[in-house]
Amino acid sequence: MTLQDLLNKACGEASDTKTSIKLGITRQMFSAYRNGRRLPSDEVLEKIIDISGVDPVLAYMAVYAERIHNPIVSNAFRNPTRLTS
């Protein structure tokens, strides 16, 4: 899972604008998440998890994979099933 996957699940059929309102952030901030210019804070991430219904562990791993600049660790975070093998 990637941050984009998580944002897509949070939006569902709603527009980015409506989703940003639900999250209590500006449309510009949501756009920054979509374009990879910013990452959500843990507070906003909790709201994204609530409206997306995604497993919190997978959601945190997706965002933290974006924060880490080590491609091996990032890949492991994006593919947690490989961690249990």
Protein backbone atom coordinates (compact mmCIF):
# COMPACT_ATOMS: atom_id res chain seq x y z
CA MET A 1 0.00 0.00 0.00
CA THR A 2 1.16 3.52 -0.78
CA LEU A 3 0.05 6.89 0.50
CA GLN A 4 -1.80 7.37 -2.80
CA ASP A 5 -3.72 4.12 -2.24
CA LEU A 6 -4.66 5.31 1.22
CA LEU A 7 -5.85 8.69 -0.05
CA ASN A 8 -7.87 7.01 -2.79
CA LYS A 9 -9.62 4.82 -0.22
CA ALA A 10 -10.31 7.85 1.96
CA CYS A 11 -11.88 9.70 -0.96
CA GLY A 12 -13.97 6.83 -2.27
CA GLU A 13 -16.52 8.46 -4.56
CA ALA A 14 -16.10 11.90 -2.96
CA SER A 15 -14.02 14.67 -4.46
CA ASP A 16 -10.69 15.70 -3.00
CA THR A 17 -12.35 18.93 -1.87
CA LYS A 18 -15.07 17.10 0.08
CA THR A 19 -12.51 14.75 1.57
CA SER A 20 -10.28 17.64 2.66
CA ILE A 21 -13.26 19.21 4.41
CA LYS A 22 -13.92 15.92 6.25
CA LEU A 23 -10.27 15.87 7.30
CA GLY A 24 -10.33 19.49 8.47
CA ILE A 25 -7.55 20.56 6.11
CA THR A 26 -7.37 22.82 3.09
CA ARG A 27 -7.77 21.54 -0.44
CA GLN A 28 -4.23 22.77 -1.11
CA MET A 29 -2.86 20.65 1.73
CA PHE A 30 -4.69 17.58 0.42
CA SER A 31 -3.26 18.31 -3.03
CA ALA A 32 0.21 18.47 -1.49
CA TYR A 33 -0.33 14.96 -0.07
CA ARG A 34 -1.50 13.72 -3.47
CA ASN A 35 1.49 15.22 -5.26
CA GLY A 36 4.05 13.98 -2.72
CA ARG A 37 5.08 17.46 -1.62
CA ARG A 38 3.93 16.88 1.98
CA LEU A 39 3.06 14.00 4.24
CA PRO A 40 0.13 14.02 6.64
CA SER A 41 0.79 14.55 10.32
CA ASP A 42 -0.14 11.71 12.64
CA GLU A 43 -3.26 13.67 13.63
CA VAL A 44 -4.45 13.96 10.03
CA LEU A 45 -3.41 10.37 9.36
CA GLU A 46 -5.72 9.21 12.16
CA LYS A 47 -8.61 11.02 10.44
CA ILE A 48 -7.68 9.46 7.09
CA ILE A 49 -7.68 6.03 8.74
CA ASP A 50 -11.11 6.70 10.27
CA ILE A 51 -12.76 7.63 6.98
CA SER A 52 -10.93 5.08 4.83
CA GLY A 53 -11.49 2.02 7.01
CA VAL A 54 -7.93 0.84 6.31
CA ASP A 55 -6.08 -1.19 8.92
CA PRO A 56 -4.17 1.41 10.98
CA VAL A 57 -0.95 -0.61 10.87
CA LEU A 58 -1.01 -0.69 7.06
CA ALA A 59 -1.82 3.02 6.91
CA TYR A 60 1.03 4.00 9.22
CA MET A 61 3.42 1.74 7.34
CA ALA A 62 2.40 3.37 4.03
CA VAL A 63 3.06 6.87 5.34
CA TYR A 64 6.26 5.97 7.15
CA ALA A 65 7.52 4.29 3.98
CA GLU A 66 7.22 7.70 2.33
CA ARG A 67 9.12 9.36 5.22
CA ILE A 68 12.04 6.95 5.11
CA HIS A 69 14.63 7.61 2.47
CA ASN A 70 16.03 4.09 2.49
CA PRO A 71 14.52 2.16 -0.46
CA ILE A 72 14.96 -1.25 1.18
CA VAL A 73 13.12 -0.25 4.36
CA SER A 74 10.48 1.65 2.37
CA ASN A 75 9.81 -1.42 0.23
CA ALA A 76 9.50 -3.60 3.34
CA PHE A 77 6.98 -1.14 4.82
CA ARG A 78 4.94 -1.13 1.60
CA ASN A 79 4.92 -4.95 1.48
CA PRO A 80 4.44 -6.07 5.09
CA THR A 81 3.70 -9.68 4.10
CA ARG A 82 7.36 -10.00 3.18
CA LEU A 83 8.24 -9.12 6.80
CA THR A 84 6.50 -12.24 8.12
CA SER A 85 7.98 -14.70 5.62
